[in-house]
Amino acid sequence: MEEEKIIIEKKSKGPMIAIILLVIVILGLGGYIAYDKLIKKDDTPTNNNGNSNNNKEEETTIYKKLEEDKDIIYYINGNEYVSEDYMDGKIETNPNPTIIRFDIPVININDSEIIKVNQEISNMFQNLEKEIKSWPNKINDTVYYCYNNNQNKYCGQELAEIDSKIHNDDKYLIIQIITTSGTYHGSGTINKTYYTVSKDTYKLLSKEELLKKFNTTEEQMIKLVKDYFSKKLDADVYKDQEQYLDDSMQYTVYKDKLLITFDWFTGSGSSELLSDGKQIIEINYDEFDENYFK
């Protein structure tokens, strides 16, 4: 009986040992999976920004703001003026007068080059307002334009307006400054200045950097623009005007094209063309997206 009891006890321990071994195997497998999924994941090669090369989500560059509680573009509120056209000895009745606000746009990025740009933009607005305020506040027979700010009326022969528009997408922040000037009633020249900030670096893009994105150089772009106009203009007209191109070319991005802005001749205001870096593309303003800058 004693021998039989020992045999029964040994048999009863068999399943228990099997269960223990099974538990050990399961725990070991679970530990391997946890290591593979959680710990080993940290060994994935990373790029210079510390992000996994397998991460396909768009990387976000953190930039330092000038004003922490403001957006990437904010405005310093300025004076408001209502323009009044003066003609034939009296103010013209205009149910929709032009309202000019001297609200100065500020790029809210703490970068030395961008701080210089902010000052340059501020100077444009302040200088134009100073010019308007230098006009006499009396109407006389030679006056063509008046600006009224509900305190004083400034009247002169010049047309003087300024505005800013912004394009902001996931690649670029572009500031467009538009100034309008003229010397006689009903006429004015429009000049455009562009500042382009890369969203990759939150730095101002130079001419060279913009052109490099389209695999071209300024020498090549000037040549393309001159070739374009040499075929469209009378030879004598072209010869007189081509000299002004070299120093006035500036660039930004319009969708997937290079937007070229230049003065065709002194006092002409800004002209614009598009390019893919290899050829000139004439702008069809009927198809130009007016909401690209707003």
Protein backbone atom coordinates (compact mmCIF):
# COMPACT_ATOMS: atom_id res chain seq x y z
CA MET A 1 0.00 0.00 0.00
CA GLU A 2 2.82 2.36 0.89
CA GLU A 3 4.48 1.79 -2.48
CA GLU A 4 1.17 2.35 -4.27
CA LYS A 5 0.67 5.65 -2.40
CA ILE A 6 4.10 6.92 -3.47
CA ILE A 7 3.34 6.08 -7.11
CA ILE A 8 -0.01 7.95 -6.91
CA GLU A 9 1.70 11.04 -5.40
CA LYS A 10 4.31 11.07 -8.16
CA LYS A 11 1.61 10.87 -10.80
CA SER A 12 -0.32 13.71 -9.19
CA LYS A 13 2.75 15.98 -9.33
CA GLY A 14 3.18 15.48 -13.08
CA PRO A 15 0.41 17.85 -14.26
CA MET A 16 1.55 20.49 -11.75
CA ILE A 17 5.08 20.47 -13.12
CA ALA A 18 3.70 20.76 -16.67
CA ILE A 19 1.60 23.77 -15.67
CA ILE A 20 4.61 25.46 -14.06
CA LEU A 21 6.72 24.88 -17.16
CA LEU A 22 3.91 26.26 -19.36
CA VAL A 23 3.69 29.40 -17.20
CA ILE A 24 7.46 29.90 -17.46
CA VAL A 25 7.29 29.58 -21.26
CA ILE A 26 4.41 32.08 -21.48
CA LEU A 27 6.19 34.59 -19.24
CA GLY A 28 9.35 34.22 -21.28
CA LEU A 29 7.49 34.78 -24.56
CA GLY A 30 5.67 37.79 -23.12
CA GLY A 31 8.95 39.28 -21.96
CA TYR A 32 10.48 38.86 -25.42
CA ILE A 33 7.51 40.54 -27.09
CA ALA A 34 7.63 43.44 -24.62
CA TYR A 35 11.37 43.87 -25.27
CA ASP A 36 10.89 43.79 -29.03
CA LYS A 37 7.98 46.23 -29.09
CA LEU A 38 8.89 48.66 -26.35
CA ILE A 39 12.56 48.61 -25.50
CA LYS A 40 14.14 47.68 -28.82
CA LYS A 41 12.05 50.42 -30.50
CA ASP A 42 14.34 52.99 -28.91
CA ASP A 43 17.21 51.65 -31.02
CA THR A 44 15.54 52.84 -34.28
CA PRO A 45 17.95 55.18 -36.15
CA THR A 46 17.02 58.82 -35.75
CA ASN A 47 17.76 61.92 -37.79
CA ASN A 48 19.46 65.06 -36.55
CA ASN A 49 16.24 66.36 -35.04
CA GLY A 50 15.91 63.29 -32.84
CA ASN A 51 12.90 61.99 -34.79
CA SER A 52 12.65 58.46 -36.08
CA ASN A 53 13.42 58.12 -39.77
CA ASN A 54 10.38 55.87 -39.98
CA ASN A 55 8.08 58.61 -38.71
CA LYS A 56 6.22 59.95 -41.74
CA GLU A 57 4.35 62.66 -39.88
CA GLU A 58 5.38 66.22 -40.64
CA GLU A 59 8.07 67.48 -38.29
CA THR A 60 7.31 70.67 -36.42
CA THR A 61 10.14 73.11 -35.78
CA ILE A 62 9.75 75.03 -32.54
CA TYR A 63 10.73 78.68 -32.97
CA LYS A 64 11.27 81.36 -30.38
CA LYS A 65 8.70 84.15 -30.45
CA LEU A 66 9.21 87.84 -29.87
CA GLU A 67 5.83 87.98 -28.14
CA GLU A 68 4.80 84.66 -26.57
CA ASP A 69 1.06 85.42 -26.45
CA LYS A 70 0.79 86.47 -30.13
CA ASP A 71 0.48 84.60 -33.45
CA ILE A 72 3.30 84.23 -35.96
CA ILE A 73 2.04 87.48 -37.56
CA TYR A 74 0.58 90.23 -35.44
CA TYR A 75 -0.10 93.92 -36.01
CA ILE A 76 0.83 97.13 -34.25
CA ASN A 77 -2.32 99.24 -34.50
CA GLY A 78 -1.85 102.55 -36.27
CA ASN A 79 -3.86 105.54 -37.42
CA GLU A 80 -6.72 105.27 -39.89
CA TYR A 81 -7.20 107.67 -42.80
CA VAL A 82 -10.03 108.11 -45.29
CA SER A 83 -8.93 109.21 -48.74
CA GLU A 84 -10.87 111.91 -50.56
CA ASP A 85 -10.25 112.80 -54.19
CA TYR A 86 -10.20 116.50 -54.91
CA MET A 87 -11.03 117.74 -58.38
CA ASP A 88 -12.22 120.94 -59.99
CA GLY A 89 -12.23 122.87 -56.74
CA LYS A 90 -14.24 120.42 -54.65
CA ILE A 91 -14.14 117.06 -52.93
CA GLU A 92 -15.47 114.27 -55.12
CA THR A 93 -18.37 112.35 -53.67
CA ASN A 94 -17.27 108.76 -53.17
CA PRO A 95 -19.70 106.33 -51.52
CA ASN A 96 -16.84 103.83 -51.04
CA PRO A 97 -13.77 105.86 -50.10
CA THR A 98 -10.40 104.18 -49.66
CA ILE A 99 -9.60 103.59 -46.00
CA ILE A 100 -5.91 103.39 -45.21
CA ARG A 101 -4.87 101.87 -41.90
CA PHE A 102 -1.28 102.18 -40.80
CA ASP A 103 -1.34 98.85 -38.98
CA ILE A 104 2.23 97.56 -39.11
CA PRO A 105 2.67 93.78 -39.55
CA VAL A 106 5.26 92.11 -37.31
CA ILE A 107 6.81 88.70 -37.95
CA ASN A 108 6.73 87.13 -34.50
CA ILE A 109 10.00 85.20 -34.75
CA ASN A 110 12.99 86.04 -32.57
CA ASP A 111 15.70 85.96 -35.21
CA SER A 112 18.24 88.71 -35.93
CA GLU A 113 17.53 88.90 -39.67
CA ILE A 114 13.77 88.87 -39.16
CA ILE A 115 14.04 91.60 -36.53
CA LYS A 116 15.80 93.72 -39.19
CA VAL A 117 12.97 92.97 -41.65
CA ASN A 118 10.38 94.01 -39.05
CA GLN A 119 12.17 97.34 -38.67
CA GLU A 120 12.36 97.77 -42.45
CA ILE A 121 8.61 97.15 -42.78
CA SER A 122 7.87 99.52 -39.90
CA ASN A 123 9.96 102.22 -41.59
CA MET A 124 7.93 101.86 -44.82
CA PHE A 125 4.68 102.53 -42.96
CA GLN A 126 6.04 105.30 -40.77
CA ASN A 127 7.77 107.13 -43.63
CA LEU A 128 4.63 107.13 -45.77
CA GLU A 129 2.50 108.40 -42.89
CA LYS A 130 5.11 111.08 -42.23
CA GLU A 131 4.93 112.08 -45.90
CA ILE A 132 1.15 112.45 -45.75
CA LYS A 133 1.37 114.53 -42.59
CA SER A 134 3.82 116.87 -44.33
CA TRP A 135 1.10 117.94 -46.76
CA PRO A 136 -0.79 121.18 -46.06
CA ASN A 137 -4.18 120.88 -44.37
CA LYS A 138 -5.75 123.40 -46.73
CA ILE A 139 -7.44 122.65 -50.03
CA ASN A 140 -6.10 124.66 -52.96
CA ASP A 141 -6.51 124.53 -56.72
CA THR A 142 -3.60 122.14 -57.24
CA VAL A 143 -4.68 119.53 -54.71
CA TYR A 144 -5.62 116.10 -56.01
CA TYR A 145 -5.66 113.94 -52.88
CA CYS A 146 -6.79 114.45 -49.30
CA TYR A 147 -6.52 112.12 -46.30
CA ASN A 148 -8.72 112.74 -43.31
CA ASN A 149 -8.07 111.09 -39.93
CA ASN A 150 -10.91 112.85 -38.09
CA GLN A 151 -8.42 115.26 -36.54
CA ASN A 152 -6.74 116.88 -39.52
CA LYS A 153 -7.07 116.83 -43.27
CA TYR A 154 -3.85 116.39 -45.23
CA CYS A 155 -4.01 117.41 -48.89
CA GLY A 156 -1.38 117.12 -51.60
CA GLN A 157 -0.66 116.21 -55.20
CA GLU A 158 0.69 112.77 -54.33
CA LEU A 159 -1.24 109.52 -54.20
CA ALA A 160 0.11 107.64 -51.18
CA GLU A 161 -1.18 104.29 -49.97
CA ILE A 162 0.30 101.23 -48.29
CA ASP A 163 -1.03 97.78 -47.45
CA SER A 164 0.24 94.39 -46.36
CA LYS A 165 -0.91 90.91 -47.31
CA ILE A 166 0.14 87.53 -45.96
CA HIS A 167 0.51 84.01 -47.34
CA ASN A 168 0.95 81.32 -44.69
CA ASP A 169 1.07 77.59 -45.44
CA ASP A 170 3.01 74.57 -44.15
CA LYS A 171 6.12 75.51 -46.17
CA TYR A 172 6.33 79.30 -46.30
CA LEU A 173 5.31 82.48 -44.55
CA ILE A 174 5.34 85.30 -47.11
CA ILE A 175 4.74 88.99 -46.38
CA GLN A 176 3.75 91.20 -49.30
CA ILE A 177 4.02 94.97 -48.84
CA ILE A 178 2.22 97.04 -51.47
CA THR A 179 2.86 100.76 -51.83
CA THR A 180 1.01 102.98 -54.28
CA SER A 181 2.24 106.38 -55.35
CA GLY A 182 1.50 108.88 -58.11
CA THR A 183 1.90 112.48 -59.08
CA TYR A 184 -1.36 113.31 -60.79
CA HIS A 185 -5.04 112.53 -60.46
CA GLY A 186 -6.14 109.09 -61.59
CA SER A 187 -2.69 107.61 -61.93
CA GLY A 188 -0.42 105.69 -59.64
CA THR A 189 2.34 103.12 -59.65
CA ILE A 190 2.16 99.98 -57.53
CA ASN A 191 5.34 98.64 -55.97
CA LYS A 192 5.57 95.27 -54.25
CA THR A 193 8.13 94.02 -51.77
CA TYR A 194 8.28 90.41 -50.57
CA TYR A 195 9.78 88.72 -47.53
CA THR A 196 9.81 84.91 -47.49
CA VAL A 197 10.31 82.80 -44.35
CA SER A 198 10.96 79.05 -44.55
CA LYS A 199 8.79 76.95 -42.25
CA ASP A 200 11.59 74.34 -42.14
CA THR A 201 13.97 76.66 -40.33
CA TYR A 202 11.85 79.72 -39.47
CA LYS A 203 14.56 81.80 -41.10
CA LEU A 204 14.35 84.45 -43.79
CA LEU A 205 15.18 82.99 -47.21
CA SER A 206 17.77 84.92 -49.21
CA LYS A 207 17.61 85.36 -52.99
CA GLU A 208 20.20 82.64 -53.43
CA GLU A 209 18.30 80.19 -51.21
CA LEU A 210 15.02 80.78 -53.05
CA LEU A 211 16.65 80.37 -56.45
CA LYS A 212 18.41 77.19 -55.31
CA LYS A 213 15.01 75.63 -54.57
CA PHE A 214 14.30 75.95 -58.30
CA ASN A 215 17.78 74.85 -59.36
CA THR A 216 18.64 78.20 -60.90
CA THR A 217 20.70 81.35 -60.30
CA GLU A 218 20.02 85.05 -60.52
CA GLU A 219 22.22 85.34 -63.61
CA GLN A 220 20.09 82.71 -65.32
CA MET A 221 16.81 84.38 -64.27
CA ILE A 222 17.94 87.81 -65.50
CA LYS A 223 18.91 86.24 -68.82
CA LEU A 224 15.52 84.50 -69.10
CA VAL A 225 13.61 87.71 -68.34
CA LYS A 226 15.69 89.75 -70.79
CA ASP A 227 15.25 87.14 -73.51
CA TYR A 228 11.51 87.16 -72.84
CA PHE A 229 11.21 90.94 -73.24
CA SER A 230 13.62 91.16 -76.18
CA LYS A 231 11.11 89.08 -78.17
CA LYS A 232 8.09 91.14 -77.06
CA LEU A 233 9.36 94.71 -77.35
CA ASP A 234 10.67 96.94 -80.07
CA ALA A 235 14.48 96.75 -80.13
CA ASP A 236 15.01 100.45 -79.22
CA VAL A 237 12.54 100.30 -76.32
CA TYR A 238 14.13 97.11 -75.03
CA LYS A 239 17.64 98.61 -75.21
CA ASP A 240 16.57 101.64 -73.15
CA GLN A 241 14.92 99.59 -70.42
CA GLU A 242 16.93 96.39 -69.92
CA GLN A 243 19.51 98.13 -67.69
CA TYR A 244 16.96 98.48 -64.89
CA LEU A 245 16.37 94.76 -64.48
CA ASP A 246 19.69 93.81 -62.91
CA ASP A 247 19.25 95.63 -59.60
CA SER A 248 15.50 95.29 -59.10
CA MET A 249 14.85 91.54 -59.30
CA GLN A 250 13.30 89.95 -56.22
CA TYR A 251 11.76 86.53 -55.71
CA THR A 252 9.23 84.58 -53.70
CA VAL A 253 7.08 81.48 -54.18
CA TYR A 254 3.65 81.26 -55.78
CA LYS A 255 2.34 77.71 -55.38
CA ASP A 256 4.94 75.51 -57.12
CA LYS A 257 6.45 78.36 -59.17
CA LEU A 258 9.05 81.07 -58.64
CA LEU A 259 7.38 84.50 -58.58
CA ILE A 260 9.70 87.14 -60.05
CA THR A 261 9.07 90.81 -59.27
CA PHE A 262 11.05 93.61 -60.89
CA ASP A 263 10.95 97.24 -62.08
CA TRP A 264 11.00 97.25 -65.85
CA PHE A 265 12.10 100.88 -65.79
CA THR A 266 12.40 103.61 -63.18
CA GLY A 267 9.00 104.75 -61.93
CA SER A 268 7.12 101.96 -63.70
CA GLY A 269 6.09 100.11 -60.57
CA SER A 270 6.44 96.38 -60.09
CA SER A 271 6.05 93.90 -62.91
CA GLU A 272 5.73 90.17 -62.29
CA LEU A 273 6.41 86.91 -64.09
CA LEU A 274 6.49 83.25 -63.10
CA SER A 275 9.17 80.65 -63.75
CA ASP A 276 9.83 76.98 -63.14
CA GLY A 277 13.57 77.74 -63.11
CA LYS A 278 14.02 76.85 -66.77
CA GLN A 279 11.58 79.09 -68.63
CA ILE A 280 9.48 82.22 -68.18
CA ILE A 281 5.75 81.79 -67.69
CA GLU A 282 3.55 84.80 -68.30
CA ILE A 283 1.00 85.41 -65.54
CA ASN A 284 -2.62 85.02 -66.49
CA TYR A 285 -4.22 87.29 -63.92
CA ASP A 286 -7.66 85.90 -64.73
CA GLU A 287 -6.42 82.62 -63.27
CA PHE A 288 -4.18 84.07 -60.56
CA ASP A 289 -5.37 83.07 -57.10
CA GLU A 290 -6.35 86.35 -55.46
CA ASN A 291 -6.60 84.62 -52.09
CA TYR A 292 -2.98 83.44 -52.18
CA PHE A 293 -2.04 86.71 -50.50
CA LYS A 294 -4.69 87.98 -48.13
